[in-house]
Amino acid sequence: MEGKLRNMASVYIQKDNKILLLYRQGGRVVNDVWVGSAGGHFEAFELNDARACVLRELQEELGITEHSIENLRLRYVTLRRSQEEIRQNYYFFANLKDGVDDYLVSNEGISRWFLLQELPSLKMPFTAQFVMAHYLKEGCHTDMVYGGIADGEKVLFAALPAF
């Protein structure tokens, strides 16, 4: 292990009892699976600011700004070792503001709104599927930030309290 890192951030936009997902096509790392509403790799100037990365990706991929969403919160940080690198994923959740058109089109693939109960049946990247399962069971009922470590079979989550 050489110590290489890959930092990525994504945001899941919610409206009522639905979440907007993207069927990612043509990505460098993730292809032909459902991912967050928008997301991608950190730029060098975003290295210490996952929020800046996710806001940039929202603008680039969906054409919306921070003014179209509310309650943007970092909820999960996961670590996974893959292909000689540590992949760090920062998962944000936000709500689409009332009055904002929910017909959102991505330049990265197919965008579609799903009912929350549909999410467990969708094909997602490894850590994302565990984040979503945890979020639906526990995370959506709290304001906690969770850390997750992928062990090859599952992702083990722990609340990350501030102290």
C-alpha atoms as a PDB file:
ATOM      1  CA  MET A   1       0.000   0.000   0.000  1.00  0.00           C
ATOM      2  CA  GLU A   2       1.586   3.239  -1.174  1.00  0.00           C
ATOM      3  CA  GLY A   3      -0.700   5.646   0.682  1.00  0.00           C
ATOM      4  CA  LYS A   4      -2.596   7.032  -2.323  1.00  0.00           C
ATOM      5  CA  LEU A   5      -5.951   8.637  -1.581  1.00  0.00           C
ATOM      6  CA  ARG A   6      -9.044   9.243  -3.695  1.00  0.00           C
ATOM      7  CA  ASN A   7     -11.436  11.834  -2.201  1.00  0.00           C
ATOM      8  CA  MET A   8     -14.995  11.957  -3.496  1.00  0.00           C
ATOM      9  CA  ALA A   9     -18.172  13.705  -2.365  1.00  0.00           C
ATOM     10  CA  SER A  10     -21.813  13.247  -3.275  1.00  0.00           C
ATOM     11  CA  VAL A  11     -25.134  14.770  -2.330  1.00  0.00           C
ATOM     12  CA  TYR A  12     -28.529  13.102  -2.085  1.00  0.00           C
ATOM     13  CA  ILE A  13     -31.309  15.602  -2.748  1.00  0.00           C
ATOM     14  CA  GLN A  14     -34.627  14.826  -1.115  1.00  0.00           C
ATOM     15  CA  LYS A  15     -38.127  16.105  -1.755  1.00  0.00           C
ATOM     16  CA  ASP A  16     -40.998  14.794   0.337  1.00  0.00           C
ATOM     17  CA  ASN A  17     -40.531  11.008   0.509  1.00  0.00           C
ATOM     18  CA  LYS A  18     -38.281  10.800  -2.571  1.00  0.00           C
ATOM     19  CA  ILE A  19     -34.557  11.022  -3.328  1.00  0.00           C
ATOM     20  CA  LEU A  20     -33.041  12.063  -6.651  1.00  0.00           C
ATOM     21  CA  LEU A  21     -30.453   9.571  -7.925  1.00  0.00           C
ATOM     22  CA  LEU A  22     -28.226   9.473 -10.969  1.00  0.00           C
ATOM     23  CA  TYR A  23     -27.623   6.422 -13.135  1.00  0.00           C
ATOM     24  CA  ARG A  24     -23.932   7.113 -13.727  1.00  0.00           C
ATOM     25  CA  GLN A  25     -22.655   6.425 -17.214  1.00  0.00           C
ATOM     26  CA  GLY A  26     -19.145   6.976 -18.518  1.00  0.00           C
ATOM     27  CA  GLY A  27     -17.502   7.726 -15.159  1.00  0.00           C
ATOM     28  CA  ARG A  28     -13.835   7.063 -14.449  1.00  0.00           C
ATOM     29  CA  VAL A  29     -14.487   5.086 -11.255  1.00  0.00           C
ATOM     30  CA  VAL A  30     -18.225   4.346 -11.119  1.00  0.00           C
ATOM     31  CA  ASN A  31     -20.350   3.138 -14.059  1.00  0.00           C
ATOM     32  CA  ASP A  32     -23.821   1.713 -14.645  1.00  0.00           C
ATOM     33  CA  VAL A  33     -25.064   2.061 -11.054  1.00  0.00           C
ATOM     34  CA  TRP A  34     -27.287   4.491  -9.166  1.00  0.00           C
ATOM     35  CA  VAL A  35     -25.342   7.145  -7.247  1.00  0.00           C
ATOM     36  CA  GLY A  36     -26.157  10.386  -5.435  1.00  0.00           C
ATOM     37  CA  SER A  37     -27.910  13.251  -7.165  1.00  0.00           C
ATOM     38  CA  ALA A  38     -24.525  14.817  -7.980  1.00  0.00           C
ATOM     39  CA  GLY A  39     -20.945  14.144  -6.978  1.00  0.00           C
ATOM     40  CA  GLY A  40     -17.390  13.481  -7.978  1.00  0.00           C
ATOM     41  CA  HIS A  41     -13.735  13.878  -7.171  1.00  0.00           C
ATOM     42  CA  PHE A  42     -12.237  16.724  -5.206  1.00  0.00           C
ATOM     43  CA  GLU A  43     -10.300  19.364  -7.084  1.00  0.00           C
ATOM     44  CA  ALA A  44      -6.945  20.301  -5.516  1.00  0.00           C
ATOM     45  CA  PHE A  45      -8.338  23.541  -4.046  1.00  0.00           C
ATOM     46  CA  GLU A  46     -11.160  21.556  -2.344  1.00  0.00           C
ATOM     47  CA  LEU A  47      -8.913  19.108  -0.507  1.00  0.00           C
ATOM     48  CA  ASN A  48     -10.030  20.323   2.922  1.00  0.00           C
ATOM     49  CA  ASP A  49     -13.567  21.352   1.957  1.00  0.00           C
ATOM     50  CA  ALA A  50     -15.944  18.531   0.979  1.00  0.00           C
ATOM     51  CA  ARG A  51     -18.864  20.982   1.029  1.00  0.00           C
ATOM     52  CA  ALA A  52     -17.218  23.134  -1.662  1.00  0.00           C
ATOM     53  CA  CYS A  53     -16.730  20.007  -3.786  1.00  0.00           C
ATOM     54  CA  VAL A  54     -20.362  18.949  -3.545  1.00  0.00           C
ATOM     55  CA  LEU A  55     -21.629  22.471  -4.312  1.00  0.00           C
ATOM     56  CA  ARG A  56     -19.395  22.646  -7.394  1.00  0.00           C
ATOM     57  CA  GLU A  57     -20.629  19.238  -8.547  1.00  0.00           C
ATOM     58  CA  LEU A  58     -24.266  20.339  -8.083  1.00  0.00           C
ATOM     59  CA  GLN A  59     -23.645  23.303 -10.363  1.00  0.00           C
ATOM     60  CA  GLU A  60     -21.691  21.315 -12.953  1.00  0.00           C
ATOM     61  CA  GLU A  61     -23.942  18.255 -13.096  1.00  0.00           C
ATOM     62  CA  LEU A  62     -27.454  19.550 -12.342  1.00  0.00           C
ATOM     63  CA  GLY A  63     -27.122  23.259 -13.064  1.00  0.00           C
ATOM     64  CA  ILE A  64     -28.396  24.290  -9.623  1.00  0.00           C
ATOM     65  CA  THR A  65     -26.786  26.286  -6.845  1.00  0.00           C
ATOM     66  CA  GLU A  66     -26.887  26.283  -3.087  1.00  0.00           C
ATOM     67  CA  HIS A  67     -29.894  28.636  -3.337  1.00  0.00           C
ATOM     68  CA  SER A  68     -32.030  25.757  -4.714  1.00  0.00           C
ATOM     69  CA  ILE A  69     -31.452  23.488  -1.711  1.00  0.00           C
ATOM     70  CA  GLU A  70     -31.701  23.710   2.056  1.00  0.00           C
ATOM     71  CA  ASN A  71     -30.430  21.765   5.063  1.00  0.00           C
ATOM     72  CA  LEU A  72     -27.233  20.677   3.296  1.00  0.00           C
ATOM     73  CA  ARG A  73     -25.476  18.458   5.823  1.00  0.00           C
ATOM     74  CA  LEU A  74     -22.535  16.074   5.809  1.00  0.00           C
ATOM     75  CA  ARG A  75     -23.961  12.831   7.215  1.00  0.00           C
ATOM     76  CA  TYR A  76     -21.489  10.048   6.321  1.00  0.00           C
ATOM     77  CA  VAL A  77     -17.775   9.631   5.709  1.00  0.00           C
ATOM     78  CA  THR A  78     -16.649   6.211   4.521  1.00  0.00           C
ATOM     79  CA  LEU A  79     -13.271   4.605   3.946  1.00  0.00           C
ATOM     80  CA  ARG A  80     -12.605   1.744   1.572  1.00  0.00           C
ATOM     81  CA  ARG A  81      -9.342   0.244   0.345  1.00  0.00           C
ATOM     82  CA  SER A  82      -9.474  -0.510  -3.376  1.00  0.00           C
ATOM     83  CA  GLN A  83      -6.945  -0.814  -6.193  1.00  0.00           C
ATOM     84  CA  GLU A  84      -3.967   0.283  -4.087  1.00  0.00           C
ATOM     85  CA  GLU A  85      -5.663   3.414  -2.756  1.00  0.00           C
ATOM     86  CA  ILE A  86      -7.841   4.516   0.135  1.00  0.00           C
ATOM     87  CA  ARG A  87     -11.164   5.847  -1.143  1.00  0.00           C
ATOM     88  CA  GLN A  88     -12.740   8.458   1.104  1.00  0.00           C
ATOM     89  CA  ASN A  89     -16.362   9.273   0.356  1.00  0.00           C
ATOM     90  CA  TYR A  90     -18.232  12.213   1.872  1.00  0.00           C
ATOM     91  CA  TYR A  91     -22.020  11.801   1.698  1.00  0.00           C
ATOM     92  CA  PHE A  92     -24.198  14.890   2.038  1.00  0.00           C
ATOM     93  CA  PHE A  93     -27.979  15.097   2.202  1.00  0.00           C
ATOM     94  CA  ALA A  94     -30.100  18.151   1.368  1.00  0.00           C
ATOM     95  CA  ASN A  95     -33.691  19.088   0.627  1.00  0.00           C
ATOM     96  CA  LEU A  96     -34.864  20.690  -2.588  1.00  0.00           C
ATOM     97  CA  LYS A  97     -36.493  23.976  -1.655  1.00  0.00           C
ATOM     98  CA  ASP A  98     -40.217  24.393  -2.158  1.00  0.00           C
ATOM     99  CA  GLY A  99     -40.937  26.150  -5.430  1.00  0.00           C
ATOM    100  CA  VAL A 100     -37.793  24.840  -7.155  1.00  0.00           C
ATOM    101  CA  ASP A 101     -38.575  22.794 -10.266  1.00  0.00           C
ATOM    102  CA  ASP A 102     -37.889  19.120  -9.495  1.00  0.00           C
ATOM    103  CA  TYR A 103     -37.265  18.262 -13.148  1.00  0.00           C
ATOM    104  CA  LEU A 104     -33.476  18.067 -12.837  1.00  0.00           C
ATOM    105  CA  VAL A 105     -31.367  16.734 -15.696  1.00  0.00           C
ATOM    106  CA  SER A 106     -27.754  15.639 -15.263  1.00  0.00           C
ATOM    107  CA  ASN A 107     -25.009  15.759 -17.862  1.00  0.00           C
ATOM    108  CA  GLU A 108     -23.476  12.637 -16.253  1.00  0.00           C
ATOM    109  CA  GLY A 109     -26.277  10.135 -16.863  1.00  0.00           C
ATOM    110  CA  ILE A 110     -29.969   9.615 -16.137  1.00  0.00           C
ATOM    111  CA  SER A 111     -31.549  11.472 -13.196  1.00  0.00           C
ATOM    112  CA  ARG A 112     -34.628   9.994 -11.565  1.00  0.00           C
ATOM    113  CA  TRP A 113     -36.646  10.473  -8.383  1.00  0.00           C
ATOM    114  CA  PHE A 114     -37.182   7.316  -6.288  1.00  0.00           C
ATOM    115  CA  LEU A 115     -39.485   6.663  -3.367  1.00  0.00           C
ATOM    116  CA  LEU A 116     -37.476   5.885  -0.229  1.00  0.00           C
ATOM    117  CA  GLN A 117     -38.811   2.326  -0.101  1.00  0.00           C
ATOM    118  CA  GLU A 118     -37.467   1.663  -3.626  1.00  0.00           C
ATOM    119  CA  LEU A 119     -33.841   2.411  -2.701  1.00  0.00           C
ATOM    120  CA  PRO A 120     -32.818  -0.990  -1.232  1.00  0.00           C
ATOM    121  CA  SER A 121     -33.535  -2.734  -4.550  1.00  0.00           C
ATOM    122  CA  LEU A 122     -31.247  -0.493  -6.638  1.00  0.00           C
ATOM    123  CA  LYS A 123     -27.717  -1.347  -7.749  1.00  0.00           C
ATOM    124  CA  MET A 124     -25.323   1.139  -6.095  1.00  0.00           C
ATOM    125  CA  PRO A 125     -21.589   1.363  -5.427  1.00  0.00           C
ATOM    126  CA  PHE A 126     -20.435  -0.742  -2.462  1.00  0.00           C
ATOM    127  CA  THR A 127     -20.259   1.910   0.261  1.00  0.00           C
ATOM    128  CA  ALA A 128     -23.256   3.854  -1.082  1.00  0.00           C
ATOM    129  CA  GLN A 129     -25.585   0.870  -0.710  1.00  0.00           C
ATOM    130  CA  PHE A 130     -24.624   0.520   2.963  1.00  0.00           C
ATOM    131  CA  VAL A 131     -24.897   4.273   3.553  1.00  0.00           C
ATOM    132  CA  MET A 132     -28.389   4.247   2.085  1.00  0.00           C
ATOM    133  CA  ALA A 133     -29.462   1.222   4.152  1.00  0.00           C
ATOM    134  CA  HIS A 134     -28.115   2.826   7.343  1.00  0.00           C
ATOM    135  CA  TYR A 135     -29.676   6.158   6.493  1.00  0.00           C
ATOM    136  CA  LEU A 136     -33.120   4.626   5.931  1.00  0.00           C
ATOM    137  CA  LYS A 137     -32.938   2.585   9.147  1.00  0.00           C
ATOM    138  CA  GLU A 138     -31.250   5.053  11.488  1.00  0.00           C
ATOM    139  CA  GLY A 139     -29.591   8.100   9.937  1.00  0.00           C
ATOM    140  CA  CYS A 140     -32.762   9.801   8.736  1.00  0.00           C
ATOM    141  CA  HIS A 141     -33.954   9.943  12.357  1.00  0.00           C
ATOM    142  CA  THR A 142     -30.869  11.750  13.707  1.00  0.00           C
ATOM    143  CA  ASP A 143     -28.592  14.689  12.981  1.00  0.00           C
ATOM    144  CA  MET A 144     -25.435  12.664  13.650  1.00  0.00           C
ATOM    145  CA  VAL A 145     -22.471  12.351  11.338  1.00  0.00           C
ATOM    146  CA  TYR A 146     -21.427   8.715  10.877  1.00  0.00           C
ATOM    147  CA  GLY A 147     -18.093   7.201   9.955  1.00  0.00           C
ATOM    148  CA  GLY A 148     -18.017   3.940   8.046  1.00  0.00           C
ATOM    149  CA  ILE A 149     -15.222   1.464   7.399  1.00  0.00           C
ATOM    150  CA  ALA A 150     -15.673  -1.067   4.600  1.00  0.00           C
ATOM    151  CA  ASP A 151     -14.399  -4.522   5.508  1.00  0.00           C
ATOM    152  CA  GLY A 152     -15.059  -6.239   2.169  1.00  0.00           C
ATOM    153  CA  GLU A 153     -18.427  -7.678   3.185  1.00  0.00           C
ATOM    154  CA  LYS A 154     -20.171  -4.708   4.785  1.00  0.00           C
ATOM    155  CA  VAL A 155     -19.597  -1.198   6.109  1.00  0.00           C
ATOM    156  CA  LEU A 156     -19.320  -0.791   9.869  1.00  0.00           C
ATOM    157  CA  PHE A 157     -20.767   2.535  11.072  1.00  0.00           C
ATOM    158  CA  ALA A 158     -20.125   4.553  14.217  1.00  0.00           C
ATOM    159  CA  ALA A 159     -21.537   7.917  15.206  1.00  0.00           C
ATOM    160  CA  LEU A 160     -18.906  10.668  15.171  1.00  0.00           C
ATOM    161  CA  PRO A 161     -19.748  12.959  18.081  1.00  0.00           C
ATOM    162  CA  ALA A 162     -17.996  16.297  18.423  1.00  0.00           C
ATOM    163  CA  PHE A 163     -15.771  16.474  21.519  1.00  0.00           C
END
